[in-house]
Amino acid sequence: INPEWISKIENLNAALNDFKNGKNKDFSKVTQAKSDLENSIKDVIINQKITDKVDNLNQAVSETKLTGNFSKVEQALAELKNLSLDQKNESFNVGKNSDLQSVRDSVRGTLVGNGLSKTEATKLSKNFSDIRKELSEKLFGKSNSNGLKNNTEPIYAQVNKKKAGQVASPEEPIYAQVAKKVSAKIDQLNEATSAINRKIDRINKIASAGKGVGGFSGAGRSASPEEPIYATIDFDEANQAGFPLRRSAGVNDLSKVGLSREQELTRRIG
C-alpha cells in the first residue's frame, strides 16, 4: 500500500475518534480527512493510467516504425486526449501540477524521444490533432500536407537541417553570401592583373620597335626589386584607361611611346 495512503487513513481515523469522543463536534474535519484520502488514491490511480497510456503510445510508435500503420498511434493518442479532458474537469489536484499537464508532459517526452524538438513537442502536446501528421513526416518523410499549418516544413525538419549544415529555407546562409562576394572580388582582381600584364606586354613591344628611344629595360619594372609591379603603375580599373609609368629610370623619353606614324610626323614637323 502507498505510504501516503497510510498517513491519510490515520488522519481520517483520528478525526473520526475525535468526533465520536466529543473532542471535536465539527464533522467537517472528518469530511476533509476523507476527501484527502480519496484524492491521494485518485492521484496514484490517475498517474498509473497516464503511465499506462504513454507506454501504449510508445509501443504504438515503435510498431509504426516497422509497419507504417498509424492506427495504433491514433488510438493511443485518442485515449490520452480523453484522459486529459477528463482530468481537466476534475478539481482534486488543486495546488499541484494538474494531471492534464502530466499527460501533456508525458506525450511531449514521447515526441522528443522520436526526433521532434522540445519547442514543437510542447506545441503538439497541447493540440493532439497534429501529432500524427508530425510523426508521419518524421518517421517516413511524408510531406503531403503533413506539416504544421502556415509552415512550409515541420519545425523539427528545420532543426535537423541546421544541425546537418543544410539550408532550412530559400534564404541563403550569410557565410555562403560572403563566400560568393569574396570569390567575385578575387575574380575581379585576377582580371585586373591580366589587363595590367597585357599593357606591360604592349609597352615592351613598342619599346623594342621604337627608334631613337633609350633603353626600355626599366619599363614595367619597379624602382626597387622588392616592390611589386603594380606599385609602379596607375591603372584605372573601371575605364581600362590611363597607364603612366613612374620611377622608370631606364626610359629617356616616354613621349614617343605609342605614337602612330601620323602623330610622329606631326610632332617632328610641328
Protein backbone atom coordinates (compact mmCIF):
# COMPACT_ATOMS: atom_id res chain seq x y z
CA ILE A 1 0.00 0.00 0.00
CA ASN A 2 1.16 3.52 -0.73
CA PRO A 3 2.80 5.13 2.37
CA GLU A 4 0.89 8.34 1.65
CA TRP A 5 -2.37 6.45 1.91
CA ILE A 6 -1.42 5.12 5.35
CA SER A 7 -0.88 8.66 6.57
CA LYS A 8 -4.22 9.79 5.15
CA ILE A 9 -6.03 6.81 6.72
CA GLU A 10 -4.51 7.60 10.11
CA ASN A 11 -5.67 11.20 9.82
CA LEU A 12 -9.18 10.04 8.95
CA ASN A 13 -9.30 7.63 11.93
CA ALA A 14 -8.10 10.37 14.28
CA ALA A 15 -10.77 12.76 13.01
CA LEU A 16 -13.48 10.10 13.45
CA ASN A 17 -12.33 9.28 17.00
CA ASP A 18 -12.24 12.96 17.97
CA PHE A 19 -15.76 13.38 16.67
CA LYS A 20 -17.04 10.27 18.48
CA ASN A 21 -15.37 11.24 21.75
CA GLY A 22 -16.74 14.75 21.57
CA LYS A 23 -13.33 16.38 21.32
CA ASN A 24 -14.35 17.88 18.01
CA LYS A 25 -18.01 18.49 17.23
CA ASP A 26 -17.22 19.85 13.77
CA PHE A 27 -17.75 16.98 11.31
CA SER A 28 -16.05 19.00 8.55
CA LYS A 29 -12.65 17.75 9.72
CA VAL A 30 -13.79 14.17 9.14
CA THR A 31 -15.07 15.15 5.72
CA GLN A 32 -11.77 16.86 4.88
CA ALA A 33 -9.72 13.85 6.02
CA LYS A 34 -11.90 11.57 3.90
CA SER A 35 -11.50 13.87 0.88
CA ASP A 36 -7.71 13.96 1.34
CA LEU A 37 -7.57 10.16 1.32
CA GLU A 38 -9.75 9.91 -1.78
CA ASN A 39 -7.68 12.49 -3.63
CA SER A 40 -4.45 10.71 -2.75
CA ILE A 41 -5.84 7.46 -4.11
CA LYS A 42 -7.08 9.22 -7.25
CA ASP A 43 -3.66 10.78 -7.81
CA VAL A 44 -1.96 7.41 -7.76
CA ILE A 45 -4.61 5.82 -9.96
CA ILE A 46 -4.50 8.66 -12.49
CA ASN A 47 -0.71 8.69 -12.57
CA GLN A 48 -0.75 4.96 -13.24
CA LYS A 49 -3.31 5.49 -16.00
CA ILE A 50 -1.11 8.16 -17.55
CA THR A 51 1.90 5.87 -17.35
CA ASP A 52 -0.02 3.03 -18.98
CA LYS A 53 -1.39 5.25 -21.77
CA VAL A 54 2.02 6.74 -22.52
CA ASP A 55 3.55 3.26 -22.58
CA ASN A 56 0.87 2.32 -25.11
CA LEU A 57 1.81 5.33 -27.23
CA ASN A 58 5.50 4.47 -27.15
CA GLN A 59 4.75 0.88 -28.12
CA ALA A 60 2.47 2.05 -30.93
CA VAL A 61 5.15 4.37 -32.32
CA SER A 62 7.70 1.54 -32.24
CA GLU A 63 5.33 -0.73 -34.19
CA THR A 64 4.54 2.04 -36.66
CA LYS A 65 8.23 2.40 -37.48
CA LEU A 66 8.16 -1.22 -38.63
CA THR A 67 4.73 -1.43 -40.27
CA GLY A 68 3.97 2.14 -41.36
CA ASN A 69 0.47 1.71 -39.90
CA PHE A 70 -0.59 4.62 -37.70
CA SER A 71 -3.87 3.12 -36.43
CA LYS A 72 -2.45 2.16 -33.02
CA VAL A 73 -0.76 5.54 -32.68
CA GLU A 74 -4.06 7.26 -33.36
CA GLN A 75 -5.83 5.03 -30.84
CA ALA A 76 -3.23 5.71 -28.14
CA LEU A 77 -3.41 9.45 -28.80
CA ALA A 78 -7.21 9.37 -28.61
CA GLU A 79 -7.06 7.62 -25.22
CA LEU A 80 -4.54 10.14 -23.91
CA LYS A 81 -6.62 13.02 -25.18
CA ASN A 82 -9.75 11.66 -23.50
CA LEU A 83 -7.83 11.14 -20.28
CA SER A 84 -6.53 14.70 -20.37
CA LEU A 85 -10.04 16.06 -20.99
CA ASP A 86 -11.39 14.05 -18.06
CA GLN A 87 -8.74 15.44 -15.75
CA LYS A 88 -9.32 18.96 -16.99
CA ASN A 89 -12.75 18.86 -15.35
CA GLU A 90 -11.50 17.45 -12.05
CA SER A 91 -10.75 19.68 -9.06
CA PHE A 92 -8.97 17.26 -6.73
CA ASN A 93 -5.45 18.22 -7.80
CA VAL A 94 -5.53 21.82 -6.61
CA GLY A 95 -2.16 23.17 -5.55
CA LYS A 96 -0.15 20.65 -7.61
CA ASN A 97 0.63 20.13 -11.25
CA SER A 98 -2.61 19.05 -12.85
CA ASP A 99 -2.95 15.58 -14.29
CA LEU A 100 -3.76 17.27 -17.58
CA GLN A 101 -0.26 18.76 -17.51
CA SER A 102 1.14 15.36 -16.58
CA VAL A 103 -0.47 13.89 -19.69
CA ARG A 104 0.96 16.65 -21.84
CA ASP A 105 4.41 16.31 -20.31
CA SER A 106 4.40 12.56 -20.94
CA VAL A 107 3.31 12.96 -24.55
CA ARG A 108 5.93 15.66 -25.08
CA GLY A 109 8.59 13.28 -23.79
CA THR A 110 7.47 10.66 -26.30
CA LEU A 111 7.63 13.14 -29.18
CA VAL A 112 11.08 14.42 -28.23
CA GLY A 113 12.23 10.82 -27.95
CA ASN A 114 11.19 10.32 -31.56
CA GLY A 115 13.11 13.25 -33.01
CA LEU A 116 10.93 16.31 -32.52
CA SER A 117 12.28 19.47 -30.93
CA LYS A 118 11.21 20.37 -27.39
CA THR A 119 9.51 23.52 -28.68
CA GLU A 120 7.48 21.68 -31.29
CA ALA A 121 6.67 18.81 -28.93
CA THR A 122 5.32 21.29 -26.39
CA LYS A 123 3.02 22.82 -29.02
CA LEU A 124 1.82 19.46 -30.24
CA SER A 125 1.14 18.11 -26.75
CA LYS A 126 -1.44 20.88 -26.40
CA ASN A 127 -3.07 20.05 -29.73
CA PHE A 128 -3.27 16.30 -30.25
CA SER A 129 -4.67 16.62 -33.79
CA ASP A 130 -1.27 17.47 -35.35
CA ILE A 131 0.80 14.78 -33.64
CA ARG A 132 0.02 12.04 -36.15
CA LYS A 133 1.00 14.32 -39.06
CA GLU A 134 4.28 15.29 -37.48
CA LEU A 135 5.21 11.72 -36.61
CA SER A 136 4.37 10.63 -40.16
CA GLU A 137 6.69 13.28 -41.58
CA LYS A 138 9.45 12.49 -39.11
CA LEU A 139 9.37 8.72 -39.46
CA PHE A 140 8.65 8.36 -43.16
CA GLY A 141 9.28 11.75 -44.76
CA LYS A 142 5.68 12.04 -45.94
CA SER A 143 5.36 15.76 -46.55
CA ASN A 144 1.97 15.82 -48.33
CA SER A 145 0.21 18.40 -46.17
CA ASN A 146 1.68 16.73 -43.09
CA GLY A 147 3.42 19.82 -41.82
CA LEU A 148 2.01 22.33 -39.39
CA LYS A 149 -0.40 24.98 -40.63
CA ASN A 150 1.24 28.07 -42.13
CA ASN A 151 4.63 26.31 -42.20
CA THR A 152 6.44 25.14 -45.31
CA GLU A 153 8.06 22.34 -43.32
CA PRO A 154 7.83 20.99 -39.77
CA ILE A 155 9.99 22.66 -37.16
CA TYR A 156 11.99 19.50 -36.44
CA ALA A 157 12.93 19.28 -40.12
CA GLN A 158 14.32 22.80 -39.96
CA VAL A 159 16.26 21.99 -36.79
CA ASN A 160 17.67 18.77 -38.24
CA LYS A 161 18.73 20.55 -41.42
CA LYS A 162 20.51 23.25 -39.47
CA LYS A 163 22.36 20.60 -37.49
CA ALA A 164 23.44 18.96 -40.75
CA GLY A 165 24.60 22.27 -42.21
CA GLN A 166 21.85 22.40 -44.80
CA VAL A 167 19.62 25.31 -45.68
CA ALA A 168 16.23 25.17 -43.95
CA SER A 169 14.67 27.90 -46.11
CA PRO A 170 15.15 29.52 -49.55
CA GLU A 171 17.23 32.23 -47.90
CA GLU A 172 20.94 31.61 -48.44
CA PRO A 173 23.09 31.49 -45.28
CA ILE A 174 25.29 34.51 -44.67
CA TYR A 175 28.56 32.60 -44.96
CA ALA A 176 27.61 31.48 -48.47
CA GLN A 177 26.81 35.06 -49.46
CA VAL A 178 30.17 36.25 -48.11
CA ALA A 179 31.99 33.44 -49.89
CA LYS A 180 30.39 34.44 -53.19
CA LYS A 181 31.37 38.08 -52.72
CA VAL A 182 34.94 37.12 -51.87
CA SER A 183 35.15 34.85 -54.92
CA ALA A 184 33.77 37.62 -57.13
CA LYS A 185 36.34 40.07 -55.77
CA ILE A 186 39.16 37.61 -56.38
CA ASP A 187 37.97 37.12 -59.96
CA GLN A 188 37.85 40.89 -60.40
CA LEU A 189 41.42 41.26 -59.13
CA ASN A 190 42.60 38.46 -61.39
CA GLU A 191 41.04 40.20 -64.40
CA ALA A 192 42.69 43.47 -63.44
CA THR A 193 46.05 41.73 -63.10
CA SER A 194 45.66 40.16 -66.53
CA ALA A 195 44.84 43.57 -68.02
CA ILE A 196 47.94 45.08 -66.42
CA ASN A 197 50.11 42.30 -67.80
CA ARG A 198 48.69 42.88 -71.28
CA LYS A 199 49.50 46.59 -71.01
CA ILE A 200 53.06 45.80 -69.98
CA ASP A 201 53.49 43.41 -72.89
CA ARG A 202 52.29 46.07 -75.36
CA ILE A 203 54.67 48.69 -73.94
CA ASN A 204 57.60 46.29 -74.13
CA LYS A 205 56.78 45.53 -77.77
CA ILE A 206 56.54 49.26 -78.59
CA ALA A 207 59.81 49.90 -76.79
CA SER A 208 61.64 47.20 -78.71
CA ALA A 209 60.32 48.54 -82.04
CA GLY A 210 60.87 52.27 -81.31
CA LYS A 211 63.76 54.19 -82.83
CA GLY A 212 65.70 56.85 -81.06
CA VAL A 213 64.32 55.86 -77.75
CA GLY A 214 66.69 54.97 -74.97
CA GLY A 215 66.70 51.55 -73.44
CA PHE A 216 63.32 50.42 -72.22
CA SER A 217 64.78 47.90 -69.86
CA GLY A 218 63.18 49.80 -66.99
CA ALA A 219 59.68 49.88 -68.48
CA GLY A 220 57.21 47.90 -66.49
CA ARG A 221 59.67 47.37 -63.65
CA SER A 222 59.59 48.87 -60.22
CA ALA A 223 62.36 51.06 -58.86
CA SER A 224 63.04 48.52 -56.16
CA PRO A 225 63.37 44.79 -56.88
CA GLU A 226 61.28 44.10 -53.80
CA GLU A 227 58.49 46.43 -54.83
CA PRO A 228 55.57 44.74 -56.64
CA ILE A 229 54.93 45.71 -60.24
CA TYR A 230 51.55 47.29 -59.50
CA ALA A 231 53.29 49.80 -57.21
CA THR A 232 54.80 51.48 -60.31
CA ILE A 233 51.59 51.51 -62.34
CA ASP A 234 48.49 53.67 -62.03
CA PHE A 235 45.67 51.72 -63.60
CA ASP A 236 42.07 52.90 -63.98
CA GLU A 237 40.32 49.56 -63.47
CA ALA A 238 36.81 50.85 -64.19
CA ASN A 239 37.60 52.56 -67.51
CA GLN A 240 40.59 50.41 -68.52
CA ALA A 241 42.32 53.70 -69.28
CA GLY A 242 45.41 55.59 -68.22
CA PHE A 243 48.73 53.90 -67.80
CA PRO A 244 51.51 56.28 -66.77
CA LEU A 245 54.74 54.75 -65.58
CA ARG A 246 56.54 56.04 -62.53
CA ARG A 247 60.13 55.75 -61.35
CA SER A 248 61.30 54.03 -64.57
CA ALA A 249 64.86 55.34 -64.69
CA GLY A 250 65.76 53.38 -67.81
CA VAL A 251 63.34 55.33 -70.04
CA ASN A 252 64.70 58.59 -71.51
CA ASP A 253 61.64 59.92 -73.33
CA LEU A 254 58.19 58.45 -72.85
CA SER A 255 56.54 60.97 -75.16
CA LYS A 256 57.39 58.74 -78.13
CA VAL A 257 55.81 55.64 -76.70
CA GLY A 258 52.72 54.51 -78.52
CA LEU A 259 52.67 57.31 -81.19
CA SER A 260 51.31 56.46 -84.61
CA ARG A 261 53.27 57.36 -87.74
CA GLU A 262 50.98 60.35 -88.40
CA GLN A 263 51.43 61.57 -84.82
CA GLU A 264 55.19 61.11 -85.05
CA LEU A 265 55.38 63.10 -88.34
CA THR A 266 53.18 65.83 -86.91
CA ARG A 267 55.40 66.04 -83.86
CA ARG A 268 58.60 66.29 -85.92
CA ILE A 269 57.21 68.81 -88.47
CA GLY A 270 55.41 70.92 -85.91
